[in-house]
PDB file of N, CA and C in Angstrom:
ATOM      1  N   MET A   1      10.201   9.842   6.420  1.00  0.00           N
ATOM      2  CA  MET A   1       9.288   8.992   5.691  1.00  0.00           C
ATOM      3  C   MET A   1       9.234   7.617   6.350  1.00  0.00           C
ATOM      4  N   PRO A   2       8.035   7.116   6.575  1.00  0.00           N
ATOM      5  CA  PRO A   2       7.923   5.806   7.229  1.00  0.00           C
ATOM      6  C   PRO A   2       8.182   4.666   6.251  1.00  0.00           C
ATOM      7  N   ARG A   3       9.456   4.282   6.122  1.00  0.00           N
ATOM      8  CA  ARG A   3       9.801   3.156   5.261  1.00  0.00           C
ATOM      9  C   ARG A   3      11.130   2.577   5.712  1.00  0.00           C
ATOM     10  N   GLU A   4      11.430   1.370   5.249  1.00  0.00           N
ATOM     11  CA  GLU A   4      12.666   0.706   5.625  1.00  0.00           C
ATOM     12  C   GLU A   4      13.271   0.056   4.382  1.00  0.00           C
ATOM     13  N   GLN A   5      14.545  -0.312   4.467  1.00  0.00           N
ATOM     14  CA  GLN A   5      15.189  -0.987   3.341  1.00  0.00           C
ATOM     15  C   GLN A   5      15.235  -2.483   3.585  1.00  0.00           C
ATOM     16  N   LYS A   6      15.012  -3.247   2.509  1.00  0.00           N
ATOM     17  CA  LYS A   6      15.096  -4.705   2.562  1.00  0.00           C
ATOM     18  C   LYS A   6      15.766  -5.185   1.289  1.00  0.00           C
ATOM     19  N   GLN A   7      16.302  -6.394   1.337  1.00  0.00           N
ATOM     20  CA  GLN A   7      16.820  -6.988   0.114  1.00  0.00           C
ATOM     21  C   GLN A   7      15.645  -7.544  -0.689  1.00  0.00           C
ATOM     22  N   VAL A   8      15.798  -7.526  -2.006  1.00  0.00           N
ATOM     23  CA  VAL A   8      14.738  -8.006  -2.879  1.00  0.00           C
ATOM     24  C   VAL A   8      14.330  -9.440  -2.527  1.00  0.00           C
ATOM     25  N   ARG A   9      15.291 -10.288  -2.138  1.00  0.00           N
ATOM     26  CA  ARG A   9      14.964 -11.692  -1.822  1.00  0.00           C
ATOM     27  C   ARG A   9      14.030 -11.822  -0.624  1.00  0.00           C
ATOM     28  N   GLU A  10      13.923 -10.785   0.226  1.00  0.00           N
ATOM     29  CA  GLU A  10      13.058 -10.841   1.414  1.00  0.00           C
ATOM     30  C   GLU A  10      11.597 -10.494   1.103  1.00  0.00           C
ATOM     31  N   LEU A  11      11.332 -10.000  -0.107  1.00  0.00           N
ATOM     32  CA  LEU A  11       9.964  -9.605  -0.465  1.00  0.00           C
ATOM     33  C   LEU A  11       9.088 -10.837  -0.665  1.00  0.00           C
ATOM     34  N   GLN A  12       7.792 -10.682  -0.416  1.00  0.00           N
ATOM     35  CA  GLN A  12       6.835 -11.777  -0.588  1.00  0.00           C
ATOM     36  C   GLN A  12       5.570 -11.232  -1.228  1.00  0.00           C
ATOM     37  N   GLU A  13       4.836 -12.125  -1.896  1.00  0.00           N
ATOM     38  CA  GLU A  13       3.541 -11.728  -2.438  1.00  0.00           C
ATOM     39  C   GLU A  13       2.641 -11.306  -1.283  1.00  0.00           C
ATOM     40  N   GLY A  14       1.904 -10.219  -1.485  1.00  0.00           N
ATOM     41  CA  GLY A  14       1.013  -9.718  -0.436  1.00  0.00           C
ATOM     42  C   GLY A  14       1.652  -8.649   0.430  1.00  0.00           C
ATOM     43  N   SER A  15       2.991  -8.507   0.369  1.00  0.00           N
ATOM     44  CA  SER A  15       3.644  -7.451   1.146  1.00  0.00           C
ATOM     45  C   SER A  15       3.777  -6.199   0.270  1.00  0.00           C
ATOM     46  N   TYR A  16       4.379  -5.157   0.820  1.00  0.00           N
ATOM     47  CA  TYR A  16       4.471  -3.869   0.121  1.00  0.00           C
ATOM     48  C   TYR A  16       5.903  -3.576  -0.298  1.00  0.00           C
ATOM     49  N   VAL A  17       6.039  -2.788  -1.375  1.00  0.00           N
ATOM     50  CA  VAL A  17       7.344  -2.324  -1.843  1.00  0.00           C
ATOM     51  C   VAL A  17       7.135  -0.987  -2.555  1.00  0.00           C
ATOM     52  N   MET A  18       8.158  -0.138  -2.553  1.00  0.00           N
ATOM     53  CA  MET A  18       8.083   1.131  -3.286  1.00  0.00           C
ATOM     54  C   MET A  18       8.487   0.888  -4.739  1.00  0.00           C
ATOM     55  N   MET A  19       7.624   1.272  -5.686  1.00  0.00           N
ATOM     56  CA  MET A  19       7.939   1.211  -7.116  1.00  0.00           C
ATOM     57  C   MET A  19       7.568   2.560  -7.703  1.00  0.00           C
ATOM     58  N   ASP A  20       8.504   3.185  -8.422  1.00  0.00           N
ATOM     59  CA  ASP A  20       8.281   4.522  -9.002  1.00  0.00           C
ATOM     60  C   ASP A  20       7.783   5.508  -7.937  1.00  0.00           C
ATOM     61  N   ASP A  21       8.375   5.477  -6.757  1.00  0.00           N
ATOM     62  CA  ASP A  21       8.014   6.362  -5.641  1.00  0.00           C
ATOM     63  C   ASP A  21       6.569   6.219  -5.166  1.00  0.00           C
ATOM     64  N   SER A  22       5.946   5.077  -5.429  1.00  0.00           N
ATOM     65  CA  SER A  22       4.587   4.818  -4.949  1.00  0.00           C
ATOM     66  C   SER A  22       4.565   3.503  -4.179  1.00  0.00           C
ATOM     67  N   PRO A  23       3.846   3.468  -3.050  1.00  0.00           N
ATOM     68  CA  PRO A  23       3.728   2.204  -2.339  1.00  0.00           C
ATOM     69  C   PRO A  23       2.856   1.240  -3.150  1.00  0.00           C
ATOM     70  N   CYS A  24       3.340   0.008  -3.341  1.00  0.00           N
ATOM     71  CA  CYS A  24       2.617  -0.992  -4.127  1.00  0.00           C
ATOM     72  C   CYS A  24       2.500  -2.290  -3.339  1.00  0.00           C
ATOM     73  N   LYS A  25       1.403  -2.994  -3.566  1.00  0.00           N
ATOM     74  CA  LYS A  25       1.216  -4.315  -2.979  1.00  0.00           C
ATOM     75  C   LYS A  25       1.685  -5.333  -4.012  1.00  0.00           C
ATOM     76  N   ILE A  26       2.520  -6.283  -3.589  1.00  0.00           N
ATOM     77  CA  ILE A  26       3.109  -7.254  -4.503  1.00  0.00           C
ATOM     78  C   ILE A  26       2.083  -8.330  -4.868  1.00  0.00           C
ATOM     79  N   ASN A  27       1.823  -8.469  -6.186  1.00  0.00           N
ATOM     80  CA  ASN A  27       0.894  -9.493  -6.686  1.00  0.00           C
ATOM     81  C   ASN A  27       1.647 -10.743  -7.126  1.00  0.00           C
ATOM     82  N   HIS A  28       2.855 -10.552  -7.657  1.00  0.00           N
ATOM     83  CA  HIS A  28       3.607 -11.684  -8.205  1.00  0.00           C
ATOM     84  C   HIS A  28       5.098 -11.466  -7.963  1.00  0.00           C
ATOM     85  N   TYR A  29       5.781 -12.524  -7.548  1.00  0.00           N
ATOM     86  CA  TYR A  29       7.222 -12.464  -7.293  1.00  0.00           C
ATOM     87  C   TYR A  29       7.845 -13.711  -7.897  1.00  0.00           C
ATOM     88  N   SER A  30       8.852 -13.543  -8.755  1.00  0.00           N
ATOM     89  CA  SER A  30       9.528 -14.702  -9.326  1.00  0.00           C
ATOM     90  C   SER A  30      11.014 -14.405  -9.457  1.00  0.00           C
ATOM     91  N   THR A  31      11.821 -15.451  -9.450  1.00  0.00           N
ATOM     92  CA  THR A  31      13.261 -15.272  -9.606  1.00  0.00           C
ATOM     93  C   THR A  31      13.745 -16.075 -10.801  1.00  0.00           C
ATOM     94  N   ALA A  32      14.775 -15.547 -11.445  1.00  0.00           N
ATOM     95  CA  ALA A  32      15.432 -16.243 -12.549  1.00  0.00           C
ATOM     96  C   ALA A  32      16.755 -16.772 -12.025  1.00  0.00           C
ATOM     97  N   LYS A  33      17.239 -17.831 -12.624  1.00  0.00           N
ATOM     98  CA  LYS A  33      18.514 -18.420 -12.195  1.00  0.00           C
ATOM     99  C   LYS A  33      19.645 -17.430 -12.427  1.00  0.00           C
ATOM    100  N   PRO A  34      20.739 -17.567 -11.652  1.00  0.00           N
ATOM    101  CA  PRO A  34      21.888 -16.679 -11.861  1.00  0.00           C
ATOM    102  C   PRO A  34      22.459 -16.884 -13.258  1.00  0.00           C
ATOM    103  N   GLY A  35      22.885 -15.791 -13.865  1.00  0.00           N
ATOM    104  CA  GLY A  35      23.499 -15.874 -15.193  1.00  0.00           C
ATOM    105  C   GLY A  35      24.959 -16.256 -15.063  1.00  0.00           C
ATOM    106  N   LYS A  36      25.623 -16.295 -16.168  1.00  0.00           N
ATOM    107  CA  LYS A  36      27.029 -16.698 -16.226  1.00  0.00           C
ATOM    108  C   LYS A  36      27.916 -15.767 -15.381  1.00  0.00           C
ATOM    109  N   HIS A  37      27.614 -14.473 -15.433  1.00  0.00           N
ATOM    110  CA  HIS A  37      28.473 -13.502 -14.734  1.00  0.00           C
ATOM    111  C   HIS A  37      27.743 -12.707 -13.656  1.00  0.00           C
ATOM    112  N   GLY A  38      26.535 -13.124 -13.296  1.00  0.00           N
ATOM    113  CA  GLY A  38      25.803 -12.272 -12.363  1.00  0.00           C
ATOM    114  C   GLY A  38      25.056 -13.050 -11.317  1.00  0.00           C
ATOM    115  N   SER A  39      24.276 -12.310 -10.556  1.00  0.00           N
ATOM    116  CA  SER A  39      23.482 -12.933  -9.506  1.00  0.00           C
ATOM    117  C   SER A  39      22.072 -13.183 -10.037  1.00  0.00           C
ATOM    118  N   ALA A  40      21.283 -13.927  -9.268  1.00  0.00           N
ATOM    119  CA  ALA A  40      19.903 -14.215  -9.649  1.00  0.00           C
ATOM    120  C   ALA A  40      19.111 -12.911  -9.683  1.00  0.00           C
ATOM    121  N   LYS A  41      18.174 -12.825 -10.610  1.00  0.00           N
ATOM    122  CA  LYS A  41      17.320 -11.639 -10.728  1.00  0.00           C
ATOM    123  C   LYS A  41      15.929 -11.974 -10.228  1.00  0.00           C
ATOM    124  N   ALA A  42      15.297 -10.994  -9.650  1.00  0.00           N
ATOM    125  CA  ALA A  42      13.916 -11.152  -9.204  1.00  0.00           C
ATOM    126  C   ALA A  42      13.041 -10.213 -10.021  1.00  0.00           C
ATOM    127  N   ARG A  43      11.870 -10.688 -10.369  1.00  0.00           N
ATOM    128  CA  ARG A  43      10.886  -9.847 -11.046  1.00  0.00           C
ATOM    129  C   ARG A  43       9.706  -9.699 -10.089  1.00  0.00           C
ATOM    130  N   VAL A  44       9.379  -8.455  -9.803  1.00  0.00           N
ATOM    131  CA  VAL A  44       8.308  -8.154  -8.860  1.00  0.00           C
ATOM    132  C   VAL A  44       7.232  -7.370  -9.603  1.00  0.00           C
ATOM    133  N   GLU A  45       6.000  -7.857  -9.516  1.00  0.00           N
ATOM    134  CA  GLU A  45       4.874  -7.144 -10.113  1.00  0.00           C
ATOM    135  C   GLU A  45       3.935  -6.742  -8.995  1.00  0.00           C
ATOM    136  N   GLY A  46       3.451  -5.509  -9.080  1.00  0.00           N
ATOM    137  CA  GLY A  46       2.575  -5.022  -8.029  1.00  0.00           C
ATOM    138  C   GLY A  46       1.566  -4.031  -8.543  1.00  0.00           C
ATOM    139  N   LYS A  47       0.704  -3.599  -7.626  1.00  0.00           N
ATOM    140  CA  LYS A  47      -0.347  -2.649  -7.948  1.00  0.00           C
ATOM    141  C   LYS A  47      -0.297  -1.538  -6.911  1.00  0.00           C
ATOM    142  N   GLY A  48      -0.377  -0.294  -7.359  1.00  0.00           N
ATOM    143  CA  GLY A  48      -0.338   0.849  -6.448  1.00  0.00           C
ATOM    144  C   GLY A  48      -1.432   0.764  -5.397  1.00  0.00           C
ATOM    145  N   VAL A  49      -1.055   0.968  -4.155  1.00  0.00           N
ATOM    146  CA  VAL A  49      -2.017   0.882  -3.052  1.00  0.00           C
ATOM    147  C   VAL A  49      -3.065   1.995  -3.162  1.00  0.00           C
ATOM    148  N   PHE A  50      -2.619   3.209  -3.535  1.00  0.00           N
ATOM    149  CA  PHE A  50      -3.541   4.340  -3.553  1.00  0.00           C
ATOM    150  C   PHE A  50      -4.013   4.737  -4.948  1.00  0.00           C
ATOM    151  N   ASP A  51      -3.303   4.304  -6.011  1.00  0.00           N
ATOM    152  CA  ASP A  51      -3.715   4.694  -7.369  1.00  0.00           C
ATOM    153  C   ASP A  51      -4.078   3.514  -8.271  1.00  0.00           C
ATOM    154  N   ASP A  52      -3.960   2.275  -7.771  1.00  0.00           N
ATOM    155  CA  ASP A  52      -4.319   1.057  -8.508  1.00  0.00           C
ATOM    156  C   ASP A  52      -3.573   0.874  -9.831  1.00  0.00           C
ATOM    157  N   LYS A  53      -2.457   1.585 -10.046  1.00  0.00           N
ATOM    158  CA  LYS A  53      -1.670   1.406 -11.270  1.00  0.00           C
ATOM    159  C   LYS A  53      -0.792   0.177 -11.143  1.00  0.00           C
ATOM    160  N   LYS A  54      -0.676  -0.594 -12.246  1.00  0.00           N
ATOM    161  CA  LYS A  54       0.207  -1.763 -12.248  1.00  0.00           C
ATOM    162  C   LYS A  54       1.638  -1.299 -12.496  1.00  0.00           C
ATOM    163  N   ARG A  55       2.567  -1.865 -11.736  1.00  0.00           N
ATOM    164  CA  ARG A  55       3.984  -1.522 -11.883  1.00  0.00           C
ATOM    165  C   ARG A  55       4.800  -2.798 -11.734  1.00  0.00           C
ATOM    166  N   SER A  56       6.021  -2.775 -12.272  1.00  0.00           N
ATOM    167  CA  SER A  56       6.892  -3.929 -12.085  1.00  0.00           C
ATOM    168  C   SER A  56       8.322  -3.451 -11.917  1.00  0.00           C
ATOM    169  N   LEU A  57       9.144  -4.323 -11.329  1.00  0.00           N
ATOM    170  CA  LEU A  57      10.548  -4.002 -11.186  1.00  0.00           C
ATOM    171  C   LEU A  57      11.351  -5.281 -11.292  1.00  0.00           C
ATOM    172  N   SER A  58      12.540  -5.153 -11.860  1.00  0.00           N
ATOM    173  CA  SER A  58      13.427  -6.298 -12.023  1.00  0.00           C
ATOM    174  C   SER A  58      14.765  -5.899 -11.410  1.00  0.00           C
ATOM    175  N   GLN A  59      15.188  -6.654 -10.407  1.00  0.00           N
ATOM    176  CA  GLN A  59      16.400  -6.315  -9.663  1.00  0.00           C
ATOM    177  C   GLN A  59      17.147  -7.589  -9.290  1.00  0.00           C
ATOM    178  N   PRO A  60      18.467  -7.510  -9.069  1.00  0.00           N
ATOM    179  CA  PRO A  60      19.172  -8.666  -8.490  1.00  0.00           C
ATOM    180  C   PRO A  60      18.593  -8.950  -7.098  1.00  0.00           C
ATOM    181  N   VAL A  61      18.568 -10.225  -6.693  1.00  0.00           N
ATOM    182  CA  VAL A  61      17.946 -10.574  -5.407  1.00  0.00           C
ATOM    183  C   VAL A  61      18.671  -9.968  -4.204  1.00  0.00           C
ATOM    184  N   ASP A  62      19.954  -9.587  -4.376  1.00  0.00           N
ATOM    185  CA  ASP A  62      20.666  -8.995  -3.244  1.00  0.00           C
ATOM    186  C   ASP A  62      20.633  -7.464  -3.267  1.00  0.00           C
ATOM    187  N   ALA A  63      19.903  -6.861  -4.223  1.00  0.00           N
ATOM    188  CA  ALA A  63      19.754  -5.402  -4.267  1.00  0.00           C
ATOM    189  C   ALA A  63      18.855  -4.960  -3.113  1.00  0.00           C
ATOM    190  N   LYS A  64      19.027  -3.711  -2.692  1.00  0.00           N
ATOM    191  CA  LYS A  64      18.178  -3.162  -1.624  1.00  0.00           C
ATOM    192  C   LYS A  64      17.051  -2.333  -2.248  1.00  0.00           C
ATOM    193  N   VAL A  65      15.865  -2.474  -1.699  1.00  0.00           N
ATOM    194  CA  VAL A  65      14.706  -1.691  -2.136  1.00  0.00           C
ATOM    195  C   VAL A  65      14.031  -1.095  -0.902  1.00  0.00           C
ATOM    196  N   TRP A  66      13.247  -0.044  -1.125  1.00  0.00           N
ATOM    197  CA  TRP A  66      12.501   0.582  -0.033  1.00  0.00           C
ATOM    198  C   TRP A  66      11.164  -0.112   0.138  1.00  0.00           C
ATOM    199  N   VAL A  67      10.805  -0.362   1.385  1.00  0.00           N
ATOM    200  CA  VAL A  67       9.520  -0.968   1.730  1.00  0.00           C
ATOM    201  C   VAL A  67       8.755   0.051   2.577  1.00  0.00           C
ATOM    202  N   PRO A  68       7.578   0.497   2.102  1.00  0.00           N
ATOM    203  CA  PRO A  68       6.815   1.488   2.875  1.00  0.00           C
ATOM    204  C   PRO A  68       6.197   0.843   4.114  1.00  0.00           C
ATOM    205  N   ILE A  69       6.111   1.605   5.185  1.00  0.00           N
ATOM    206  CA  ILE A  69       5.441   1.125   6.391  1.00  0.00           C
ATOM    207  C   ILE A  69       4.056   1.763   6.379  1.00  0.00           C
ATOM    208  N   ILE A  70       3.087   0.972   5.914  1.00  0.00           N
ATOM    209  CA  ILE A  70       1.715   1.453   5.763  1.00  0.00           C
ATOM    210  C   ILE A  70       0.946   1.068   7.016  1.00  0.00           C
ATOM    211  N   GLU A  71       0.323   2.068   7.627  1.00  0.00           N
ATOM    212  CA  GLU A  71      -0.402   1.808   8.866  1.00  0.00           C
ATOM    213  C   GLU A  71      -1.847   1.424   8.582  1.00  0.00           C
ATOM    214  N   ARG A  72      -2.329   0.439   9.320  1.00  0.00           N
ATOM    215  CA  ARG A  72      -3.729   0.012   9.244  1.00  0.00           C
ATOM    216  C   ARG A  72      -4.415   0.630  10.460  1.00  0.00           C
ATOM    217  N   LYS A  73      -5.437   1.457  10.224  1.00  0.00           N
ATOM    218  CA  LYS A  73      -6.072   2.187  11.323  1.00  0.00           C
ATOM    219  C   LYS A  73      -7.578   1.965  11.340  1.00  0.00           C
ATOM    220  N   GLN A  74      -8.164   2.307  12.478  1.00  0.00           N
ATOM    221  CA  GLN A  74      -9.609   2.191  12.670  1.00  0.00           C
ATOM    222  C   GLN A  74     -10.212   3.589  12.676  1.00  0.00           C
ATOM    223  N   GLY A  75     -11.368   3.723  12.040  1.00  0.00           N
ATOM    224  CA  GLY A  75     -12.050   5.010  12.022  1.00  0.00           C
ATOM    225  C   GLY A  75     -13.545   4.819  12.151  1.00  0.00           C
ATOM    226  N   GLN A  76     -14.224   5.928  12.392  1.00  0.00           N
ATOM    227  CA  GLN A  76     -15.681   5.892  12.478  1.00  0.00           C
ATOM    228  C   GLN A  76     -16.236   6.991  11.580  1.00  0.00           C
ATOM    229  N   VAL A  77     -17.244   6.635  10.784  1.00  0.00           N
ATOM    230  CA  VAL A  77     -17.867   7.605   9.889  1.00  0.00           C
ATOM    231  C   VAL A  77     -18.705   8.569  10.722  1.00  0.00           C
ATOM    232  N   VAL A  78     -18.427   9.882  10.577  1.00  0.00           N
ATOM    233  CA  VAL A  78     -19.170  10.905  11.312  1.00  0.00           C
ATOM    234  C   VAL A  78     -20.373  11.350  10.487  1.00  0.00           C
ATOM    235  N   SER A  79     -20.136  11.598   9.186  1.00  0.00           N
ATOM    236  CA  SER A  79     -21.226  12.001   8.300  1.00  0.00           C
ATOM    237  C   SER A  79     -20.868  11.664   6.862  1.00  0.00           C
ATOM    238  N   VAL A  80     -21.895  11.618   6.015  1.00  0.00           N
ATOM    239  CA  VAL A  80     -21.707  11.312   4.595  1.00  0.00           C
ATOM    240  C   VAL A  80     -22.305  12.432   3.770  1.00  0.00           C
ATOM    241  N   THR A  81     -21.522  12.951   2.797  1.00  0.00           N
ATOM    242  CA  THR A  81     -21.993  13.986   1.880  1.00  0.00           C
ATOM    243  C   THR A  81     -21.626  13.567   0.466  1.00  0.00           C
ATOM    244  N   GLY A  82     -22.609  13.123  -0.304  1.00  0.00           N
ATOM    245  CA  GLY A  82     -22.337  12.688  -1.673  1.00  0.00           C
ATOM    246  C   GLY A  82     -21.387  11.505  -1.698  1.00  0.00           C
ATOM    247  N   ASP A  83     -20.226  11.675  -2.388  1.00  0.00           N
ATOM    248  CA  ASP A  83     -19.230  10.602  -2.491  1.00  0.00           C
ATOM    249  C   ASP A  83     -18.163  10.681  -1.404  1.00  0.00           C
ATOM    250  N   ASP A  84     -18.292  11.630  -0.487  1.00  0.00           N
ATOM    251  CA  ASP A  84     -17.291  11.811   0.564  1.00  0.00           C
ATOM    252  C   ASP A  84     -17.863  11.464   1.936  1.00  0.00           C
ATOM    253  N   ALA A  85     -16.972  10.982   2.791  1.00  0.00           N
ATOM    254  CA  ALA A  85     -17.352  10.669   4.170  1.00  0.00           C
ATOM    255  C   ALA A  85     -16.428  11.429   5.108  1.00  0.00           C
ATOM    256  N   GLN A  86     -16.989  11.991   6.153  1.00  0.00           N
ATOM    257  CA  GLN A  86     -16.214  12.614   7.216  1.00  0.00           C
ATOM    258  C   GLN A  86     -15.900  11.483   8.196  1.00  0.00           C
ATOM    259  N   VAL A  87     -14.601  11.202   8.410  1.00  0.00           N
ATOM    260  CA  VAL A  87     -14.186  10.069   9.228  1.00  0.00           C
ATOM    261  C   VAL A  87     -13.366  10.557  10.418  1.00  0.00           C
ATOM    262  N   MET A  88     -13.583   9.933  11.581  1.00  0.00           N
ATOM    263  CA  MET A  88     -12.802  10.263  12.775  1.00  0.00           C
ATOM    264  C   MET A  88     -11.915   9.070  13.104  1.00  0.00           C
ATOM    265  N   ASP A  89     -10.610   9.318  13.244  1.00  0.00           N
ATOM    266  CA  ASP A  89      -9.674   8.271  13.647  1.00  0.00           C
ATOM    267  C   ASP A  89      -9.983   7.895  15.091  1.00  0.00           C
ATOM    268  N   LEU A  90     -10.110   6.593  15.370  1.00  0.00           N
ATOM    269  CA  LEU A  90     -10.506   6.158  16.713  1.00  0.00           C
ATOM    270  C   LEU A  90      -9.368   6.205  17.730  1.00  0.00           C
ATOM    271  N   ASP A  91      -8.127   6.444  17.292  1.00  0.00           N
ATOM    272  CA  ASP A  91      -7.010   6.590  18.227  1.00  0.00           C
ATOM    273  C   ASP A  91      -6.745   8.048  18.555  1.00  0.00           C
ATOM    274  N   THR A  92      -6.677   8.888  17.507  1.00  0.00           N
ATOM    275  CA  THR A  92      -6.291  10.298  17.702  1.00  0.00           C
ATOM    276  C   THR A  92      -7.494  11.237  17.766  1.00  0.00           C
ATOM    277  N   TYR A  93      -8.675  10.753  17.381  1.00  0.00           N
ATOM    278  CA  TYR A  93      -9.910  11.551  17.304  1.00  0.00           C
ATOM    279  C   TYR A  93      -9.820  12.670  16.284  1.00  0.00           C
ATOM    280  N   GLN A  94      -8.824  12.602  15.392  1.00  0.00           N
ATOM    281  CA  GLN A  94      -8.688  13.568  14.305  1.00  0.00           C
ATOM    282  C   GLN A  94      -9.763  13.240  13.257  1.00  0.00           C
ATOM    283  N   THR A  95     -10.373  14.276  12.665  1.00  0.00           N
ATOM    284  CA  THR A  95     -11.355  14.025  11.605  1.00  0.00           C
ATOM    285  C   THR A  95     -10.795  14.478  10.275  1.00  0.00           C
ATOM    286  N   PHE A  96     -11.189  13.785   9.212  1.00  0.00           N
ATOM    287  CA  PHE A  96     -10.736  14.094   7.864  1.00  0.00           C
ATOM    288  C   PHE A  96     -11.789  13.588   6.890  1.00  0.00           C
ATOM    289  N   THR A  97     -11.688  14.051   5.645  1.00  0.00           N
ATOM    290  CA  THR A  97     -12.630  13.641   4.612  1.00  0.00           C
ATOM    291  C   THR A  97     -11.986  12.586   3.731  1.00  0.00           C
ATOM    292  N   MET A  98     -12.731  11.529   3.438  1.00  0.00           N
ATOM    293  CA  MET A  98     -12.255  10.461   2.557  1.00  0.00           C
ATOM    294  C   MET A  98     -13.264  10.228   1.454  1.00  0.00           C
ATOM    295  N   ARG A  99     -12.772   9.874   0.283  1.00  0.00           N
ATOM    296  CA  ARG A  99     -13.635   9.478  -0.825  1.00  0.00           C
ATOM    297  C   ARG A  99     -14.184   8.088  -0.512  1.00  0.00           C
ATOM    298  N   ILE A 100     -15.491   7.890  -0.690  1.00  0.00           N
ATOM    299  CA  ILE A 100     -16.100   6.575  -0.463  1.00  0.00           C
ATOM    300  C   ILE A 100     -15.784   5.705  -1.682  1.00  0.00           C
ATOM    301  N   PRO A 101     -15.217   4.507  -1.467  1.00  0.00           N
ATOM    302  CA  PRO A 101     -14.904   3.635  -2.612  1.00  0.00           C
ATOM    303  C   PRO A 101     -16.167   3.283  -3.396  1.00  0.00           C
ATOM    304  N   GLU A 102     -16.015   3.141  -4.717  1.00  0.00           N
ATOM    305  CA  GLU A 102     -17.149   2.801  -5.575  1.00  0.00           C
ATOM    306  C   GLU A 102     -17.778   1.489  -5.137  1.00  0.00           C
ATOM    307  N   GLY A 103     -19.091   1.460  -5.078  1.00  0.00           N
ATOM    308  CA  GLY A 103     -19.794   0.236  -4.707  1.00  0.00           C
ATOM    309  C   GLY A 103     -19.944   0.043  -3.204  1.00  0.00           C
ATOM    310  N   GLU A 104     -19.396   0.956  -2.402  1.00  0.00           N
ATOM    311  CA  GLU A 104     -19.498   0.852  -0.938  1.00  0.00           C
ATOM    312  C   GLU A 104     -20.591   1.800  -0.444  1.00  0.00           C
ATOM    313  N   GLU A 105     -21.242   1.419   0.630  1.00  0.00           N
ATOM    314  CA  GLU A 105     -22.252   2.262   1.268  1.00  0.00           C
ATOM    315  C   GLU A 105     -21.755   2.617   2.662  1.00  0.00           C
ATOM    316  N   PHE A 106     -21.678   3.905   2.957  1.00  0.00           N
ATOM    317  CA  PHE A 106     -21.256   4.347   4.286  1.00  0.00           C
ATOM    318  C   PHE A 106     -22.443   4.994   4.983  1.00  0.00           C
ATOM    319  N   GLU A 107     -22.512   4.794   6.298  1.00  0.00           N
ATOM    320  CA  GLU A 107     -23.541   5.435   7.122  1.00  0.00           C
ATOM    321  C   GLU A 107     -22.876   6.014   8.359  1.00  0.00           C
ATOM    322  N   SER A 108     -23.524   7.015   8.967  1.00  0.00           N
ATOM    323  CA  SER A 108     -23.002   7.603  10.203  1.00  0.00           C
ATOM    324  C   SER A 108     -22.864   6.533  11.275  1.00  0.00           C
ATOM    325  N   ASP A 109     -21.837   6.673  12.114  1.00  0.00           N
ATOM    326  CA  ASP A 109     -21.516   5.769  13.229  1.00  0.00           C
ATOM    327  C   ASP A 109     -20.982   4.409  12.781  1.00  0.00           C
ATOM    328  N   MET A 110     -20.732   4.240  11.484  1.00  0.00           N
ATOM    329  CA  MET A 110     -20.194   2.974  10.974  1.00  0.00           C
ATOM    330  C   MET A 110     -18.684   2.934  11.230  1.00  0.00           C
ATOM    331  N   ASP A 111     -18.160   1.788  11.695  1.00  0.00           N
ATOM    332  CA  ASP A 111     -16.722   1.633  11.898  1.00  0.00           C
ATOM    333  C   ASP A 111     -16.087   1.140  10.605  1.00  0.00           C
ATOM    334  N   ILE A 112     -14.946   1.724  10.235  1.00  0.00           N
ATOM    335  CA  ILE A 112     -14.232   1.302   9.031  1.00  0.00           C
ATOM    336  C   ILE A 112     -12.759   1.073   9.358  1.00  0.00           C
ATOM    337  N   GLU A 113     -12.083   0.371   8.467  1.00  0.00           N
ATOM    338  CA  GLU A 113     -10.649   0.160   8.588  1.00  0.00           C
ATOM    339  C   GLU A 113     -10.030   0.821   7.359  1.00  0.00           C
ATOM    340  N   TYR A 114      -8.906   1.537   7.565  1.00  0.00           N
ATOM    341  CA  TYR A 114      -8.281   2.190   6.422  1.00  0.00           C
ATOM    342  C   TYR A 114      -6.763   2.121   6.525  1.00  0.00           C
ATOM    343  N   LEU A 115      -6.124   2.285   5.363  1.00  0.00           N
ATOM    344  CA  LEU A 115      -4.662   2.306   5.288  1.00  0.00           C
ATOM    345  C   LEU A 115      -4.213   3.748   5.189  1.00  0.00           C
ATOM    346  N   GLU A 116      -3.076   4.076   5.827  1.00  0.00           N
ATOM    347  CA  GLU A 116      -2.550   5.437   5.755  1.00  0.00           C
ATOM    348  C   GLU A 116      -1.051   5.395   5.520  1.00  0.00           C
ATOM    349  N   TYR A 117      -0.587   6.227   4.576  1.00  0.00           N
ATOM    350  CA  TYR A 117       0.839   6.357   4.295  1.00  0.00           C
ATOM    351  C   TYR A 117       1.090   7.763   3.786  1.00  0.00           C
ATOM    352  N   GLU A 118       1.898   8.539   4.510  1.00  0.00           N
ATOM    353  CA  GLU A 118       2.269   9.893   4.126  1.00  0.00           C
ATOM    354  C   GLU A 118       1.056  10.740   3.719  1.00  0.00           C
ATOM    355  N   GLY A 119       0.024  10.737   4.555  1.00  0.00           N
ATOM    356  CA  GLY A 119      -1.130  11.580   4.308  1.00  0.00           C
ATOM    357  C   GLY A 119      -2.122  11.015   3.301  1.00  0.00           C
ATOM    358  N   GLN A 120      -1.803   9.908   2.662  1.00  0.00           N
ATOM    359  CA  GLN A 120      -2.745   9.259   1.745  1.00  0.00           C
ATOM    360  C   GLN A 120      -3.524   8.222   2.538  1.00  0.00           C
ATOM    361  N   ARG A 121      -4.809   8.154   2.262  1.00  0.00           N
ATOM    362  CA  ARG A 121      -5.661   7.199   2.984  1.00  0.00           C
ATOM    363  C   ARG A 121      -6.531   6.431   2.006  1.00  0.00           C
ATOM    364  N   LYS A 122      -6.818   5.181   2.368  1.00  0.00           N
ATOM    365  CA  LYS A 122      -7.680   4.353   1.522  1.00  0.00           C
ATOM    366  C   LYS A 122      -8.437   3.375   2.407  1.00  0.00           C
ATOM    367  N   VAL A 123      -9.735   3.238   2.167  1.00  0.00           N
ATOM    368  CA  VAL A 123     -10.556   2.291   2.918  1.00  0.00           C
ATOM    369  C   VAL A 123     -10.167   0.883   2.509  1.00  0.00           C
ATOM    370  N   VAL A 124     -10.055  -0.005   3.496  1.00  0.00           N
ATOM    371  CA  VAL A 124      -9.696  -1.396   3.212  1.00  0.00           C
ATOM    372  C   VAL A 124     -10.932  -2.157   2.783  1.00  0.00           C
TER     373      VAL A 124
END
């Protein structure tokens, strides 16, 4: 699996973290002062990269968490059928079908940028 471990204190807003086994983009990061008998806690709020679900996690700042390595790739639209687009990766020339995001218009020969993680893809 393309991911690495980091301490919670190394996370930043706008970066990615695994929450409930889903890659999430961090929207909000805050820390609380250390308690009488413990270390400082961090509260991380994020949104699923591929499912748009809101998630949060609360951990000590020195705890280790998994950070997904999400690849940003270039593709070209080969054809459009209804809500789906046939896309060719511009590096590997592999073709696959992607759902066209709501409100977006795709046309043949159009270049797009997309995120990929463990077989999941999403247009940026």
